[in-house]
Amino acid sequence: MDTKQYLSQISRLNRQIQNKLSEISQLRDLSMGIRAISNEERVQTTPNFDKIGTSIAKIDEMERNLDKLIDEYVEIKGNIVAQIDSMEDEVIYNILFARYIEKKTFEKIATEMTYSFRQITRLHGKALIEFEKKYGNQYKNL
């Protein structure tokens, strides 16, 4: 895993959490529209007489998986924030925090820090190198 991938874990996990929340919401909406079982057609399979129970069980399982994902997100984000906080160079700290924690674009960072876009991308590259020198041994082999 390279430095960008390591730092970008926060965004990826956040998106996964949002997607799981959306899935759970859709399943809840779907379970509210479950109809009674119709016995008009006889089929060889056994009908599911407890569709609501099945839906509730699926929602419960998805929520447990979501809880695990949230725990992982909180732990990883806490570690990465602590690592970024420990960067001594204030410019490097500001760029890494803005980019990977606040999820700002390079354009936005450049405007806020009153640097050119090109200068911010150069400093971002330097920040990644400095971060890797300090913490690379912790995530390089993941």
Protein backbone atom coordinates (compact mmCIF):
# COMPACT_ATOMS: atom_id res chain seq x y z
CA MET A 1 0.00 0.00 0.00
CA ASP A 2 1.45 3.37 -0.95
CA THR A 3 1.09 6.60 1.04
CA LYS A 4 -1.81 8.01 -0.98
CA GLN A 5 -3.76 4.76 -0.64
CA TYR A 6 -3.05 4.65 3.08
CA LEU A 7 -4.26 8.21 3.64
CA SER A 8 -7.23 7.75 1.30
CA GLN A 9 -8.60 4.86 3.37
CA ILE A 10 -10.68 7.37 5.32
CA SER A 11 -12.56 8.52 2.23
CA ARG A 12 -13.09 4.97 1.00
CA LEU A 13 -14.43 3.77 4.34
CA ASN A 14 -16.66 6.83 4.61
CA ARG A 15 -18.14 6.06 1.17
CA GLN A 16 -18.66 2.42 2.16
CA ILE A 17 -20.52 3.53 5.30
CA GLN A 18 -22.73 5.88 3.29
CA ASN A 19 -23.46 3.09 0.79
CA LYS A 20 -24.38 0.65 3.57
CA LEU A 21 -26.69 3.24 5.13
CA SER A 22 -28.36 3.67 1.75
CA GLU A 23 -28.74 -0.11 1.31
CA ILE A 24 -30.30 -0.44 4.76
CA SER A 25 -32.69 2.42 4.03
CA GLN A 26 -33.73 0.84 0.74
CA LEU A 27 -34.28 -2.54 2.39
CA ARG A 28 -36.39 -0.90 5.11
CA ASP A 29 -38.49 0.85 2.47
CA LEU A 30 -38.85 -2.41 0.57
CA SER A 31 -39.86 -4.31 3.71
CA MET A 32 -42.62 -1.78 4.38
CA GLY A 33 -44.18 -2.70 1.05
CA ILE A 34 -44.25 -6.47 1.58
CA ARG A 35 -47.63 -7.91 0.63
CA ALA A 36 -49.47 -10.84 2.10
CA ILE A 37 -48.70 -14.21 0.54
CA SER A 38 -51.01 -15.20 -2.25
CA ASN A 39 -51.79 -18.89 -2.68
CA GLU A 40 -53.33 -18.50 -6.13
CA GLU A 41 -50.55 -20.28 -7.96
CA ARG A 42 -49.27 -23.61 -6.73
CA VAL A 43 -45.53 -23.99 -7.17
CA GLN A 44 -43.24 -26.81 -6.10
CA THR A 45 -41.22 -24.53 -3.80
CA THR A 46 -42.14 -23.76 -0.23
CA PRO A 47 -43.32 -20.17 0.09
CA ASN A 48 -41.68 -17.88 2.61
CA PHE A 49 -44.49 -17.20 5.08
CA ASP A 50 -42.34 -14.85 7.16
CA LYS A 51 -41.18 -12.27 4.64
CA ILE A 52 -41.19 -9.50 7.26
CA GLY A 53 -39.11 -11.61 9.64
CA THR A 54 -36.67 -12.42 6.84
CA SER A 55 -36.37 -8.74 5.96
CA ILE A 56 -35.81 -7.78 9.60
CA ALA A 57 -33.10 -10.43 9.91
CA LYS A 58 -31.35 -9.06 6.79
CA ILE A 59 -31.57 -5.50 8.11
CA ASP A 60 -30.17 -6.63 11.48
CA GLU A 61 -27.25 -8.41 9.80
CA MET A 62 -26.52 -5.38 7.62
CA GLU A 63 -26.61 -3.09 10.68
CA ARG A 64 -24.14 -5.34 12.52
CA ASN A 65 -21.82 -5.23 9.52
CA LEU A 66 -22.24 -1.44 9.42
CA ASP A 67 -21.29 -1.20 13.11
CA LYS A 68 -18.06 -3.13 12.41
CA LEU A 69 -17.30 -0.86 9.46
CA ILE A 70 -17.89 2.25 11.57
CA ASP A 71 -15.59 0.90 14.30
CA GLU A 72 -12.90 0.28 11.69
CA TYR A 73 -13.41 3.79 10.26
CA VAL A 74 -13.09 5.45 13.67
CA GLU A 75 -9.93 3.50 14.50
CA ILE A 76 -8.21 4.13 11.16
CA LYS A 77 -9.21 7.79 11.05
CA GLY A 78 -7.97 8.30 14.60
CA ASN A 79 -4.60 6.75 13.72
CA ILE A 80 -4.20 8.78 10.54
CA VAL A 81 -5.24 12.04 12.21
CA ALA A 82 -2.71 11.42 15.01
CA GLN A 83 0.00 10.73 12.43
CA ILE A 84 -0.82 13.88 10.45
CA ASP A 85 -0.96 15.89 13.70
CA SER A 86 2.58 14.78 14.50
CA MET A 87 4.03 16.28 11.30
CA GLU A 88 6.31 19.11 12.41
CA ASP A 89 6.20 21.23 9.23
CA GLU A 90 3.04 23.34 9.42
CA VAL A 91 2.63 23.55 5.64
CA ILE A 92 2.86 19.78 5.30
CA TYR A 93 0.42 19.35 8.16
CA ASN A 94 -2.07 21.81 6.63
CA ILE A 95 -1.93 20.20 3.19
CA LEU A 96 -2.29 16.61 4.45
CA PHE A 97 -5.08 17.51 6.85
CA ALA A 98 -7.01 19.54 4.25
CA ARG A 99 -6.61 16.90 1.54
CA TYR A 100 -7.18 13.65 3.43
CA ILE A 101 -9.24 14.58 6.49
CA GLU A 102 -11.30 17.51 5.21
CA LYS A 103 -11.36 16.06 1.65
CA LYS A 104 -10.63 19.39 -0.03
CA THR A 105 -9.50 19.76 -3.63
CA PHE A 106 -6.07 21.10 -4.50
CA GLU A 107 -7.76 24.20 -5.91
CA LYS A 108 -9.51 24.88 -2.61
CA ILE A 109 -6.34 24.25 -0.60
CA ALA A 110 -4.36 26.56 -2.88
CA THR A 111 -6.92 29.34 -2.46
CA GLU A 112 -7.06 28.99 1.32
CA MET A 113 -3.29 28.86 1.73
CA THR A 114 -2.71 31.58 -0.91
CA TYR A 115 -0.45 29.39 -3.02
CA SER A 116 -0.71 28.56 -6.70
CA PHE A 117 -2.23 25.25 -7.74
CA ARG A 118 1.14 24.10 -9.05
CA GLN A 119 2.87 25.00 -5.79
CA ILE A 120 0.26 23.06 -3.76
CA THR A 121 0.67 19.95 -5.92
CA ARG A 122 4.46 20.19 -5.51
CA LEU A 123 4.12 20.65 -1.74
CA HIS A 124 1.64 17.76 -1.61
CA GLY A 125 4.24 15.51 -3.23
CA LYS A 126 6.79 16.68 -0.66
CA ALA A 127 4.26 16.08 2.14
CA LEU A 128 3.66 12.51 0.96
CA ILE A 129 7.42 11.85 0.92
CA GLU A 130 7.84 13.27 4.44
CA PHE A 131 4.86 11.31 5.73
CA GLU A 132 6.23 8.11 4.19
CA LYS A 133 9.66 8.69 5.73
CA LYS A 134 8.06 9.00 9.15
CA TYR A 135 5.33 6.32 8.95
CA GLY A 136 5.91 4.27 5.80
CA ASN A 137 7.20 1.25 7.73
CA GLN A 138 3.79 0.96 9.45
CA TYR A 139 1.72 0.54 6.27
CA LYS A 140 4.04 -0.39 3.40
CA ASN A 141 3.57 -4.13 3.92
CA LEU A 142 -0.23 -4.05 4.31
